[in-house]
PDB file of all heavy atoms in Angstrom:
ATOM      1  N   ALA A   1       0.898  -1.183  -0.008  1.00  0.00           N
ATOM      2  CA  ALA A   1      -0.006  -0.005  -0.021  1.00  0.00           C
ATOM      3  C   ALA A   1       0.873   1.244  -0.026  1.00  0.00           C
ATOM      4  O   ALA A   1       0.523   2.228  -0.684  1.00  0.00           O
ATOM      5  CB  ALA A   1      -0.889  -0.042   1.245  1.00  0.00           C
ATOM      6  N   ARG A   2       2.002   1.201   0.705  1.00  0.00           N
ATOM      7  CA  ARG A   2       2.819   2.373   0.758  1.00  0.00           C
ATOM      8  C   ARG A   2       3.533   2.707  -0.563  1.00  0.00           C
ATOM      9  O   ARG A   2       3.687   3.925  -0.940  1.00  0.00           O
ATOM     10  CB  ARG A   2       3.993   2.050   1.834  1.00  0.00           C
ATOM     11  CG  ARG A   2       4.962   3.200   1.971  1.00  0.00           C
ATOM     12  CD  ARG A   2       5.887   3.058   3.066  1.00  0.00           C
ATOM     13  NE  ARG A   2       6.852   4.134   3.136  1.00  0.00           N
ATOM     14  CZ  ARG A   2       7.632   4.460   4.221  1.00  0.00           C
ATOM     15  NH1 ARG A   2       7.548   3.759   5.329  1.00  0.00           N
ATOM     16  NH2 ARG A   2       8.538   5.391   4.119  1.00  0.00           N
ATOM     17  N   GLU A   3       3.688   1.734  -1.363  1.00  0.00           N
ATOM     18  CA  GLU A   3       4.275   1.931  -2.694  1.00  0.00           C
ATOM     19  C   GLU A   3       3.496   2.817  -3.608  1.00  0.00           C
ATOM     20  O   GLU A   3       3.905   3.579  -4.429  1.00  0.00           O
ATOM     21  CB  GLU A   3       4.546   0.610  -3.366  1.00  0.00           C
ATOM     22  CG  GLU A   3       5.739  -0.201  -2.794  1.00  0.00           C
ATOM     23  CD  GLU A   3       5.817  -1.592  -3.406  1.00  0.00           C
ATOM     24  OE1 GLU A   3       5.012  -1.878  -4.320  1.00  0.00           O
ATOM     25  OE2 GLU A   3       6.717  -2.354  -2.986  1.00  0.00           O
ATOM     26  N   GLY A   4       2.099   2.733  -3.338  1.00  0.00           N
ATOM     27  CA  GLY A   4       1.201   3.535  -4.169  1.00  0.00           C
ATOM     28  C   GLY A   4       0.884   4.900  -3.634  1.00  0.00           C
ATOM     29  O   GLY A   4       0.041   5.663  -4.279  1.00  0.00           O
ATOM     30  N   LEU A   5       1.496   5.350  -2.498  1.00  0.00           N
ATOM     31  CA  LEU A   5       1.163   6.593  -1.911  1.00  0.00           C
ATOM     32  C   LEU A   5       1.771   7.770  -2.647  1.00  0.00           C
ATOM     33  O   LEU A   5       2.939   7.606  -3.110  1.00  0.00           O
ATOM     34  CB  LEU A   5       1.582   6.652  -0.504  1.00  0.00           C
ATOM     35  CG  LEU A   5       0.918   5.748   0.524  1.00  0.00           C
ATOM     36  CD1 LEU A   5       1.455   5.956   1.937  1.00  0.00           C
ATOM     37  CD2 LEU A   5      -0.611   6.072   0.538  1.00  0.00           C
ATOM     38  N   THR A   6       1.082   8.840  -2.802  1.00  0.00           N
ATOM     39  CA  THR A   6       1.623  10.073  -3.333  1.00  0.00           C
ATOM     40  C   THR A   6       2.274  10.880  -2.197  1.00  0.00           C
ATOM     41  O   THR A   6       2.070  10.536  -0.982  1.00  0.00           O
ATOM     42  CB  THR A   6       0.501  10.945  -3.938  1.00  0.00           C
ATOM     43  OG1 THR A   6      -0.413  11.234  -2.956  1.00  0.00           O
ATOM     44  CG2 THR A   6      -0.083  10.210  -5.097  1.00  0.00           C
ATOM     45  N   ALA A   7       3.132  11.830  -2.481  1.00  0.00           N
ATOM     46  CA  ALA A   7       3.892  12.560  -1.487  1.00  0.00           C
ATOM     47  C   ALA A   7       2.895  13.211  -0.532  1.00  0.00           C
ATOM     48  O   ALA A   7       1.965  13.923  -0.894  1.00  0.00           O
ATOM     49  CB  ALA A   7       4.696  13.638  -2.201  1.00  0.00           C
ATOM     50  N   GLY A   8       3.153  13.001   0.787  1.00  0.00           N
ATOM     51  CA  GLY A   8       2.338  13.580   1.855  1.00  0.00           C
ATOM     52  C   GLY A   8       1.138  12.888   2.151  1.00  0.00           C
ATOM     53  O   GLY A   8       0.413  13.236   3.167  1.00  0.00           O
ATOM     54  N   ALA A   9       0.777  11.845   1.446  1.00  0.00           N
ATOM     55  CA  ALA A   9      -0.412  11.043   1.660  1.00  0.00           C
ATOM     56  C   ALA A   9      -0.306  10.176   2.960  1.00  0.00           C
ATOM     57  O   ALA A   9       0.845   9.797   3.236  1.00  0.00           O
ATOM     58  CB  ALA A   9      -0.791  10.208   0.455  1.00  0.00           C
ATOM     59  N   TRP A  10      -1.387   9.936   3.586  1.00  0.00           N
ATOM     60  CA  TRP A  10      -1.348   9.096   4.802  1.00  0.00           C
ATOM     61  C   TRP A  10      -1.560   7.641   4.394  1.00  0.00           C
ATOM     62  O   TRP A  10      -2.250   7.283   3.464  1.00  0.00           O
ATOM     63  CB  TRP A  10      -2.514   9.489   5.746  1.00  0.00           C
ATOM     64  CG  TRP A  10      -2.243  10.771   6.473  1.00  0.00           C
ATOM     65  CD1 TRP A  10      -1.900  11.941   5.977  1.00  0.00           C
ATOM     66  CD2 TRP A  10      -2.328  10.892   7.960  1.00  0.00           C
ATOM     67  NE1 TRP A  10      -1.771  12.886   6.985  1.00  0.00           N
ATOM     68  CE2 TRP A  10      -2.004  12.261   8.136  1.00  0.00           C
ATOM     69  CE3 TRP A  10      -2.631  10.047   8.972  1.00  0.00           C
ATOM     70  CZ2 TRP A  10      -1.947  12.842   9.485  1.00  0.00           C
ATOM     71  CZ3 TRP A  10      -2.603  10.596  10.233  1.00  0.00           C
ATOM     72  CH2 TRP A  10      -2.234  11.902  10.479  1.00  0.00           C
ATOM     73  N   LEU A  11      -0.855   6.763   5.118  1.00  0.00           N
ATOM     74  CA  LEU A  11      -0.956   5.336   4.996  1.00  0.00           C
ATOM     75  C   LEU A  11      -2.038   4.856   5.990  1.00  0.00           C
ATOM     76  O   LEU A  11      -1.899   4.914   7.181  1.00  0.00           O
ATOM     77  CB  LEU A  11       0.347   4.615   5.317  1.00  0.00           C
ATOM     78  CG  LEU A  11       0.345   3.072   5.293  1.00  0.00           C
ATOM     79  CD1 LEU A  11       0.004   2.611   3.962  1.00  0.00           C
ATOM     80  CD2 LEU A  11       1.674   2.522   5.761  1.00  0.00           C
ATOM     81  N   ARG A  12      -3.229   4.527   5.394  1.00  0.00           N
ATOM     82  CA  ARG A  12      -4.374   4.139   6.241  1.00  0.00           C
ATOM     83  C   ARG A  12      -4.648   2.661   6.112  1.00  0.00           C
ATOM     84  O   ARG A  12      -4.473   2.038   5.074  1.00  0.00           O
ATOM     85  CB  ARG A  12      -5.650   4.873   5.785  1.00  0.00           C
ATOM     86  CG  ARG A  12      -5.529   6.425   5.905  1.00  0.00           C
ATOM     87  CD  ARG A  12      -5.428   6.906   7.332  1.00  0.00           C
ATOM     88  NE  ARG A  12      -6.564   6.478   8.200  1.00  0.00           N
ATOM     89  CZ  ARG A  12      -7.566   7.290   8.462  1.00  0.00           C
ATOM     90  NH1 ARG A  12      -7.603   8.533   7.886  1.00  0.00           N
ATOM     91  NH2 ARG A  12      -8.522   6.835   9.268  1.00  0.00           N
ATOM     92  N   GLY A  13      -5.081   2.025   7.224  1.00  0.00           N
ATOM     93  CA  GLY A  13      -5.490   0.613   7.197  1.00  0.00           C
ATOM     94  C   GLY A  13      -6.479   0.368   8.220  1.00  0.00           C
ATOM     95  O   GLY A  13      -6.750   1.150   9.080  1.00  0.00           O
ATOM     96  N   TRP A  14      -7.235  -0.792   8.129  1.00  0.00           N
ATOM     97  CA  TRP A  14      -8.303  -1.064   8.958  1.00  0.00           C
ATOM     98  C   TRP A  14      -8.381  -2.528   9.220  1.00  0.00           C
ATOM     99  O   TRP A  14      -7.877  -3.344   8.383  1.00  0.00           O
ATOM    100  CB  TRP A  14      -9.639  -0.489   8.537  1.00  0.00           C
ATOM    101  CG  TRP A  14     -10.051  -1.007   7.192  1.00  0.00           C
ATOM    102  CD1 TRP A  14      -9.617  -0.602   5.998  1.00  0.00           C
ATOM    103  CD2 TRP A  14     -10.975  -2.054   6.920  1.00  0.00           C
ATOM    104  NE1 TRP A  14     -10.277  -1.317   4.894  1.00  0.00           N
ATOM    105  CE2 TRP A  14     -11.124  -2.235   5.512  1.00  0.00           C
ATOM    106  CE3 TRP A  14     -11.725  -2.920   7.751  1.00  0.00           C
ATOM    107  CZ2 TRP A  14     -11.974  -3.188   4.935  1.00  0.00           C
ATOM    108  CZ3 TRP A  14     -12.558  -3.834   7.120  1.00  0.00           C
ATOM    109  CH2 TRP A  14     -12.652  -4.003   5.771  1.00  0.00           C
ATOM    110  N   GLY A  15      -9.024  -3.000  10.325  1.00  0.00           N
ATOM    111  CA  GLY A  15      -9.222  -4.409  10.582  1.00  0.00           C
ATOM    112  C   GLY A  15      -8.019  -5.064  11.153  1.00  0.00           C
ATOM    113  O   GLY A  15      -7.923  -6.279  11.196  1.00  0.00           O
ATOM    114  N   LEU A  16      -7.078  -4.300  11.745  1.00  0.00           N
ATOM    115  CA  LEU A  16      -5.895  -4.864  12.327  1.00  0.00           C
ATOM    116  C   LEU A  16      -6.189  -5.692  13.614  1.00  0.00           C
ATOM    117  O   LEU A  16      -6.793  -5.197  14.555  1.00  0.00           O
ATOM    118  CB  LEU A  16      -4.812  -3.769  12.646  1.00  0.00           C
ATOM    119  CG  LEU A  16      -3.578  -4.265  13.266  1.00  0.00           C
ATOM    120  CD1 LEU A  16      -2.787  -5.172  12.368  1.00  0.00           C
ATOM    121  CD2 LEU A  16      -2.733  -3.039  13.613  1.00  0.00           C
ATOM    122  N   ASP A  17      -5.921  -6.999  13.650  1.00  0.00           N
ATOM    123  CA  ASP A  17      -6.187  -7.866  14.716  1.00  0.00           C
ATOM    124  C   ASP A  17      -4.978  -7.834  15.694  1.00  0.00           C
ATOM    125  O   ASP A  17      -3.848  -8.210  15.288  1.00  0.00           O
ATOM    126  CB  ASP A  17      -6.407  -9.291  14.195  1.00  0.00           C
ATOM    127  CG  ASP A  17      -6.842 -10.273  15.258  1.00  0.00           C
ATOM    128  OD1 ASP A  17      -6.708  -9.989  16.461  1.00  0.00           O
ATOM    129  OD2 ASP A  17      -7.273 -11.342  14.925  1.00  0.00           O
ATOM    130  N   PRO A  18      -5.156  -7.516  16.996  1.00  0.00           N
ATOM    131  CA  PRO A  18      -4.071  -7.486  17.924  1.00  0.00           C
ATOM    132  C   PRO A  18      -3.435  -8.866  18.141  1.00  0.00           C
ATOM    133  O   PRO A  18      -2.266  -8.985  18.528  1.00  0.00           O
ATOM    134  CB  PRO A  18      -4.640  -6.981  19.228  1.00  0.00           C
ATOM    135  CG  PRO A  18      -6.111  -7.173  19.099  1.00  0.00           C
ATOM    136  CD  PRO A  18      -6.399  -7.021  17.661  1.00  0.00           C
ATOM    137  N   ASN A  19      -4.114  -9.895  17.765  1.00  0.00           N
ATOM    138  CA  ASN A  19      -3.458 -11.253  17.884  1.00  0.00           C
ATOM    139  C   ASN A  19      -2.314 -11.481  17.046  1.00  0.00           C
ATOM    140  O   ASN A  19      -1.448 -12.361  17.305  1.00  0.00           O
ATOM    141  CB  ASN A  19      -4.614 -12.331  17.582  1.00  0.00           C
ATOM    142  CG  ASN A  19      -5.565 -12.519  18.729  1.00  0.00           C
ATOM    143  OD1 ASN A  19      -5.213 -12.752  19.853  1.00  0.00           O
ATOM    144  ND2 ASN A  19      -6.876 -12.410  18.343  1.00  0.00           N
ATOM    145  N   VAL A  20      -2.182 -10.680  15.986  1.00  0.00           N
ATOM    146  CA  VAL A  20      -1.013 -10.818  15.086  1.00  0.00           C
ATOM    147  C   VAL A  20       0.225 -10.476  15.819  1.00  0.00           C
ATOM    148  O   VAL A  20       1.351 -10.877  15.400  1.00  0.00           O
ATOM    149  CB  VAL A  20      -1.128 -10.042  13.769  1.00  0.00           C
ATOM    150  CG1 VAL A  20      -2.433 -10.397  13.016  1.00  0.00           C
ATOM    151  CG2 VAL A  20      -1.012  -8.507  13.996  1.00  0.00           C
ATOM    152  N   PHE A  21       0.215  -9.709  16.860  1.00  0.00           N
ATOM    153  CA  PHE A  21       1.444  -9.254  17.612  1.00  0.00           C
ATOM    154  C   PHE A  21       1.935 -10.305  18.548  1.00  0.00           C
ATOM    155  O   PHE A  21       3.038 -10.233  19.039  1.00  0.00           O
ATOM    156  CB  PHE A  21       1.135  -7.941  18.394  1.00  0.00           C
ATOM    157  CG  PHE A  21       0.909  -6.791  17.515  1.00  0.00           C
ATOM    158  CD1 PHE A  21      -0.316  -6.485  16.935  1.00  0.00           C
ATOM    159  CD2 PHE A  21       1.942  -5.922  17.154  1.00  0.00           C
ATOM    160  CE1 PHE A  21      -0.579  -5.406  16.139  1.00  0.00           C
ATOM    161  CE2 PHE A  21       1.758  -4.840  16.326  1.00  0.00           C
ATOM    162  CZ  PHE A  21       0.497  -4.548  15.812  1.00  0.00           C
ATOM    163  N   GLY A  22       1.080 -11.376  18.838  1.00  0.00           N
ATOM    164  CA  GLY A  22       1.497 -12.433  19.711  1.00  0.00           C
ATOM    165  C   GLY A  22       1.894 -11.820  21.068  1.00  0.00           C
ATOM    166  O   GLY A  22       1.083 -11.115  21.717  1.00  0.00           O
ATOM    167  N   ASP A  23       3.132 -12.172  21.543  1.00  0.00           N
ATOM    168  CA  ASP A  23       3.630 -11.650  22.823  1.00  0.00           C
ATOM    169  C   ASP A  23       4.337 -10.364  22.675  1.00  0.00           C
ATOM    170  O   ASP A  23       4.841  -9.823  23.722  1.00  0.00           O
ATOM    171  CB  ASP A  23       4.454 -12.689  23.500  1.00  0.00           C
ATOM    172  CG  ASP A  23       3.734 -13.946  23.864  1.00  0.00           C
ATOM    173  OD1 ASP A  23       2.554 -13.863  24.222  1.00  0.00           O
ATOM    174  OD2 ASP A  23       4.352 -15.091  23.772  1.00  0.00           O
ATOM    175  N   LEU A  24       4.400  -9.792  21.506  1.00  0.00           N
ATOM    176  CA  LEU A  24       5.114  -8.532  21.312  1.00  0.00           C
ATOM    177  C   LEU A  24       4.120  -7.390  21.618  1.00  0.00           C
ATOM    178  O   LEU A  24       2.908  -7.529  21.524  1.00  0.00           O
ATOM    179  CB  LEU A  24       5.615  -8.390  19.891  1.00  0.00           C
ATOM    180  CG  LEU A  24       6.668  -9.434  19.445  1.00  0.00           C
ATOM    181  CD1 LEU A  24       6.947  -9.328  17.930  1.00  0.00           C
ATOM    182  CD2 LEU A  24       7.944  -9.248  20.252  1.00  0.00           C
ATOM    183  N   PRO A  25       4.636  -6.171  21.989  1.00  0.00           N
ATOM    184  CA  PRO A  25       3.743  -5.114  22.257  1.00  0.00           C
ATOM    185  C   PRO A  25       3.011  -4.638  20.945  1.00  0.00           C
ATOM    186  O   PRO A  25       3.561  -4.683  19.928  1.00  0.00           O
ATOM    187  CB  PRO A  25       4.674  -3.981  22.773  1.00  0.00           C
ATOM    188  CG  PRO A  25       6.017  -4.401  22.347  1.00  0.00           C
ATOM    189  CD  PRO A  25       6.069  -5.921  22.178  1.00  0.00           C
ATOM    190  N   VAL A  26       1.804  -4.220  21.171  1.00  0.00           N
ATOM    191  CA  VAL A  26       1.000  -3.658  20.131  1.00  0.00           C
ATOM    192  C   VAL A  26       1.441  -2.166  20.035  1.00  0.00           C
ATOM    193  O   VAL A  26       0.985  -1.338  20.703  1.00  0.00           O
ATOM    194  CB  VAL A  26      -0.533  -3.741  20.413  1.00  0.00           C
ATOM    195  CG1 VAL A  26      -1.328  -3.087  19.242  1.00  0.00           C
ATOM    196  CG2 VAL A  26      -0.986  -5.121  20.641  1.00  0.00           C
ATOM    197  N   SER A  27       2.363  -1.917  19.077  1.00  0.00           N
ATOM    198  CA  SER A  27       3.028  -0.634  18.948  1.00  0.00           C
ATOM    199  C   SER A  27       3.434  -0.375  17.535  1.00  0.00           C
ATOM    200  O   SER A  27       3.571  -1.386  16.751  1.00  0.00           O
ATOM    201  CB  SER A  27       4.194  -0.514  19.866  1.00  0.00           C
ATOM    202  OG  SER A  27       5.244  -1.334  19.461  1.00  0.00           O
ATOM    203  N   ALA A  28       3.652   0.855  17.243  1.00  0.00           N
ATOM    204  CA  ALA A  28       4.182   1.169  15.905  1.00  0.00           C
ATOM    205  C   ALA A  28       5.591   0.577  15.663  1.00  0.00           C
ATOM    206  O   ALA A  28       5.850   0.138  14.571  1.00  0.00           O
ATOM    207  CB  ALA A  28       4.166   2.723  15.683  1.00  0.00           C
ATOM    208  N   ALA A  29       6.385   0.603  16.717  1.00  0.00           N
ATOM    209  CA  ALA A  29       7.727   0.111  16.538  1.00  0.00           C
ATOM    210  C   ALA A  29       7.733  -1.473  16.227  1.00  0.00           C
ATOM    211  O   ALA A  29       8.595  -1.924  15.444  1.00  0.00           O
ATOM    212  CB  ALA A  29       8.529   0.275  17.905  1.00  0.00           C
ATOM    213  N   THR A  30       6.765  -2.145  16.674  1.00  0.00           N
ATOM    214  CA  THR A  30       6.718  -3.603  16.382  1.00  0.00           C
ATOM    215  C   THR A  30       6.470  -3.824  14.902  1.00  0.00           C
ATOM    216  O   THR A  30       6.806  -4.846  14.381  1.00  0.00           O
ATOM    217  CB  THR A  30       5.586  -4.239  17.245  1.00  0.00           C
ATOM    218  OG1 THR A  30       5.859  -3.988  18.587  1.00  0.00           O
ATOM    219  CG2 THR A  30       5.572  -5.736  17.021  1.00  0.00           C
ATOM    220  N   LEU A  31       5.766  -2.922  14.246  1.00  0.00           N
ATOM    221  CA  LEU A  31       5.462  -3.062  12.796  1.00  0.00           C
ATOM    222  C   LEU A  31       6.718  -2.853  12.001  1.00  0.00           C
ATOM    223  O   LEU A  31       6.805  -3.286  10.841  1.00  0.00           O
ATOM    224  CB  LEU A  31       4.394  -2.102  12.366  1.00  0.00           C
ATOM    225  CG  LEU A  31       2.985  -2.401  12.904  1.00  0.00           C
ATOM    226  CD1 LEU A  31       1.993  -1.318  12.449  1.00  0.00           C
ATOM    227  CD2 LEU A  31       2.521  -3.746  12.479  1.00  0.00           C
ATOM    228  N   GLY A  32       7.728  -2.094  12.500  1.00  0.00           N
ATOM    229  CA  GLY A  32       8.982  -1.906  11.822  1.00  0.00           C
ATOM    230  C   GLY A  32       8.979  -0.782  10.881  1.00  0.00           C
ATOM    231  O   GLY A  32       8.138   0.041  10.875  1.00  0.00           O
ATOM    232  N   PRO A  33      10.009  -0.780  10.032  1.00  0.00           N
ATOM    233  CA  PRO A  33      10.227   0.346   9.064  1.00  0.00           C
ATOM    234  C   PRO A  33       9.065   0.651   8.172  1.00  0.00           C
ATOM    235  O   PRO A  33       9.070   1.817   7.553  1.00  0.00           O
ATOM    236  CB  PRO A  33      11.487  -0.013   8.356  1.00  0.00           C
ATOM    237  CG  PRO A  33      12.143  -1.057   9.127  1.00  0.00           C
ATOM    238  CD  PRO A  33      11.038  -1.834   9.824  1.00  0.00           C
ATOM    239  N   VAL A  34       8.194  -0.230   7.958  1.00  0.00           N
ATOM    240  CA  VAL A  34       7.116  -0.017   7.011  1.00  0.00           C
ATOM    241  C   VAL A  34       6.290   1.199   7.303  1.00  0.00           C
ATOM    242  O   VAL A  34       5.647   1.844   6.410  1.00  0.00           O
ATOM    243  CB  VAL A  34       6.259  -1.287   6.785  1.00  0.00           C
ATOM    244  CG1 VAL A  34       5.393  -1.509   7.994  1.00  0.00           C
ATOM    245  CG2 VAL A  34       5.390  -1.165   5.531  1.00  0.00           C
ATOM    246  N   VAL A  35       6.174   1.518   8.615  1.00  0.00           N
ATOM    247  CA  VAL A  35       5.428   2.770   8.951  1.00  0.00           C
ATOM    248  C   VAL A  35       6.309   3.906   9.290  1.00  0.00           C
ATOM    249  O   VAL A  35       5.801   4.974   9.790  1.00  0.00           O
ATOM    250  CB  VAL A  35       4.464   2.439  10.113  1.00  0.00           C
ATOM    251  CG1 VAL A  35       3.414   1.409   9.769  1.00  0.00           C
ATOM    252  CG2 VAL A  35       5.282   1.996  11.405  1.00  0.00           C
ATOM    253  N   ASP A  36       7.613   3.810   9.073  1.00  0.00           N
ATOM    254  CA  ASP A  36       8.501   4.977   9.331  1.00  0.00           C
ATOM    255  C   ASP A  36       8.452   6.012   8.175  1.00  0.00           C
ATOM    256  O   ASP A  36       8.399   5.661   6.973  1.00  0.00           O
ATOM    257  CB  ASP A  36       9.929   4.530   9.508  1.00  0.00           C
ATOM    258  CG  ASP A  36      10.134   3.754  10.779  1.00  0.00           C
ATOM    259  OD1 ASP A  36       9.230   3.774  11.659  1.00  0.00           O
ATOM    260  OD2 ASP A  36      11.095   2.962  10.910  1.00  0.00           O
ATOM    261  N   GLY A  37       8.520   7.270   8.580  1.00  0.00           N
ATOM    262  CA  GLY A  37       8.642   8.299   7.556  1.00  0.00           C
ATOM    263  C   GLY A  37       7.338   8.763   6.857  1.00  0.00           C
ATOM    264  O   GLY A  37       7.321   9.673   6.057  1.00  0.00           O
ATOM    265  N   VAL A  38       6.271   8.048   7.036  1.00  0.00           N
ATOM    266  CA  VAL A  38       5.008   8.408   6.474  1.00  0.00           C
ATOM    267  C   VAL A  38       3.973   8.533   7.609  1.00  0.00           C
ATOM    268  O   VAL A  38       4.071   7.728   8.620  1.00  0.00           O
ATOM    269  CB  VAL A  38       4.469   7.403   5.374  1.00  0.00           C
ATOM    270  CG1 VAL A  38       5.384   7.389   4.199  1.00  0.00           C
ATOM    271  CG2 VAL A  38       4.307   6.042   5.969  1.00  0.00           C
ATOM    272  N   PRO A  39       2.991   9.358   7.524  1.00  0.00           N
ATOM    273  CA  PRO A  39       1.931   9.371   8.484  1.00  0.00           C
ATOM    274  C   PRO A  39       1.020   8.189   8.392  1.00  0.00           C
ATOM    275  O   PRO A  39       0.232   8.054   7.473  1.00  0.00           O
ATOM    276  CB  PRO A  39       1.180  10.744   8.224  1.00  0.00           C
ATOM    277  CG  PRO A  39       1.468  10.995   6.812  1.00  0.00           C
ATOM    278  CD  PRO A  39       2.810  10.435   6.460  1.00  0.00           C
ATOM    279  N   ALA A  40       1.200   7.219   9.287  1.00  0.00           N
ATOM    280  CA  ALA A  40       0.448   5.957   9.274  1.00  0.00           C
ATOM    281  C   ALA A  40      -0.606   5.928  10.278  1.00  0.00           C
ATOM    282  O   ALA A  40      -0.332   6.293  11.506  1.00  0.00           O
ATOM    283  CB  ALA A  40       1.360   4.782   9.412  1.00  0.00           C
ATOM    284  N   LEU A  41      -1.829   5.488  10.040  1.00  0.00           N
ATOM    285  CA  LEU A  41      -2.885   5.420  11.000  1.00  0.00           C
ATOM    286  C   LEU A  41      -3.713   4.223  10.647  1.00  0.00           C
ATOM    287  O   LEU A  41      -4.298   4.093   9.618  1.00  0.00           O
ATOM    288  CB  LEU A  41      -3.776   6.669  10.895  1.00  0.00           C
ATOM    289  CG  LEU A  41      -4.907   6.805  12.018  1.00  0.00           C
ATOM    290  CD1 LEU A  41      -4.261   6.812  13.462  1.00  0.00           C
ATOM    291  CD2 LEU A  41      -5.731   8.083  11.767  1.00  0.00           C
ATOM    292  N   LEU A  42      -3.703   3.239  11.617  1.00  0.00           N
ATOM    293  CA  LEU A  42      -4.273   1.920  11.357  1.00  0.00           C
ATOM    294  C   LEU A  42      -5.366   1.712  12.472  1.00  0.00           C
ATOM    295  O   LEU A  42      -5.150   1.746  13.604  1.00  0.00           O
ATOM    296  CB  LEU A  42      -3.213   0.857  11.463  1.00  0.00           C
ATOM    297  CG  LEU A  42      -1.910   1.047  10.678  1.00  0.00           C
ATOM    298  CD1 LEU A  42      -0.903  -0.069  10.984  1.00  0.00           C
ATOM    299  CD2 LEU A  42      -2.260   1.235   9.172  1.00  0.00           C
ATOM    300  N   ASP A  43      -6.622   1.385  12.031  1.00  0.00           N
ATOM    301  CA  ASP A  43      -7.669   1.062  12.882  1.00  0.00           C
ATOM    302  C   ASP A  43      -7.502  -0.378  13.323  1.00  0.00           C
ATOM    303  O   ASP A  43      -7.435  -1.295  12.463  1.00  0.00           O
ATOM    304  CB  ASP A  43      -9.016   1.190  12.172  1.00  0.00           C
ATOM    305  CG  ASP A  43      -9.519   2.664  12.257  1.00  0.00           C
ATOM    306  OD1 ASP A  43      -8.913   3.447  11.440  1.00  0.00           O
ATOM    307  OD2 ASP A  43     -10.410   2.968  12.997  1.00  0.00           O
ATOM    308  N   LEU A  44      -7.539  -0.681  14.615  1.00  0.00           N
ATOM    309  CA  LEU A  44      -7.576  -2.084  15.102  1.00  0.00           C
ATOM    310  C   LEU A  44      -9.048  -2.593  14.910  1.00  0.00           C
ATOM    311  O   LEU A  44     -10.035  -1.746  14.834  1.00  0.00           O
ATOM    312  CB  LEU A  44      -7.190  -2.144  16.524  1.00  0.00           C
ATOM    313  CG  LEU A  44      -5.585  -2.329  16.752  1.00  0.00           C
ATOM    314  CD1 LEU A  44      -4.939  -1.035  16.467  1.00  0.00           C
ATOM    315  CD2 LEU A  44      -5.310  -2.832  18.117  1.00  0.00           C
ATOM    316  N   PHE A  45      -9.189  -3.854  14.860  1.00  0.00           N
ATOM    317  CA  PHE A  45     -10.458  -4.477  14.464  1.00  0.00           C
ATOM    318  C   PHE A  45     -11.637  -4.057  15.396  1.00  0.00           C
ATOM    319  O   PHE A  45     -12.794  -3.965  14.946  1.00  0.00           O
ATOM    320  CB  PHE A  45     -10.362  -5.967  14.426  1.00  0.00           C
ATOM    321  CG  PHE A  45     -10.594  -6.664  15.789  1.00  0.00           C
ATOM    322  CD1 PHE A  45     -11.857  -7.078  16.174  1.00  0.00           C
ATOM    323  CD2 PHE A  45      -9.509  -6.827  16.644  1.00  0.00           C
ATOM    324  CE1 PHE A  45     -12.055  -7.649  17.420  1.00  0.00           C
ATOM    325  CE2 PHE A  45      -9.729  -7.453  17.876  1.00  0.00           C
ATOM    326  CZ  PHE A  45     -10.976  -7.873  18.241  1.00  0.00           C
TER     327      PHE A  45
END
């Protein structure tokens, strides 16, 4: 999804299940570099 963003656009997502994080914290850092440098906002389920 990030590949298709125009400059300044927000990376939006929805339906994120906290179970995917397992024992790791539900945090932006856990998602890694994919959300770095762009305004990312993800709705949990």
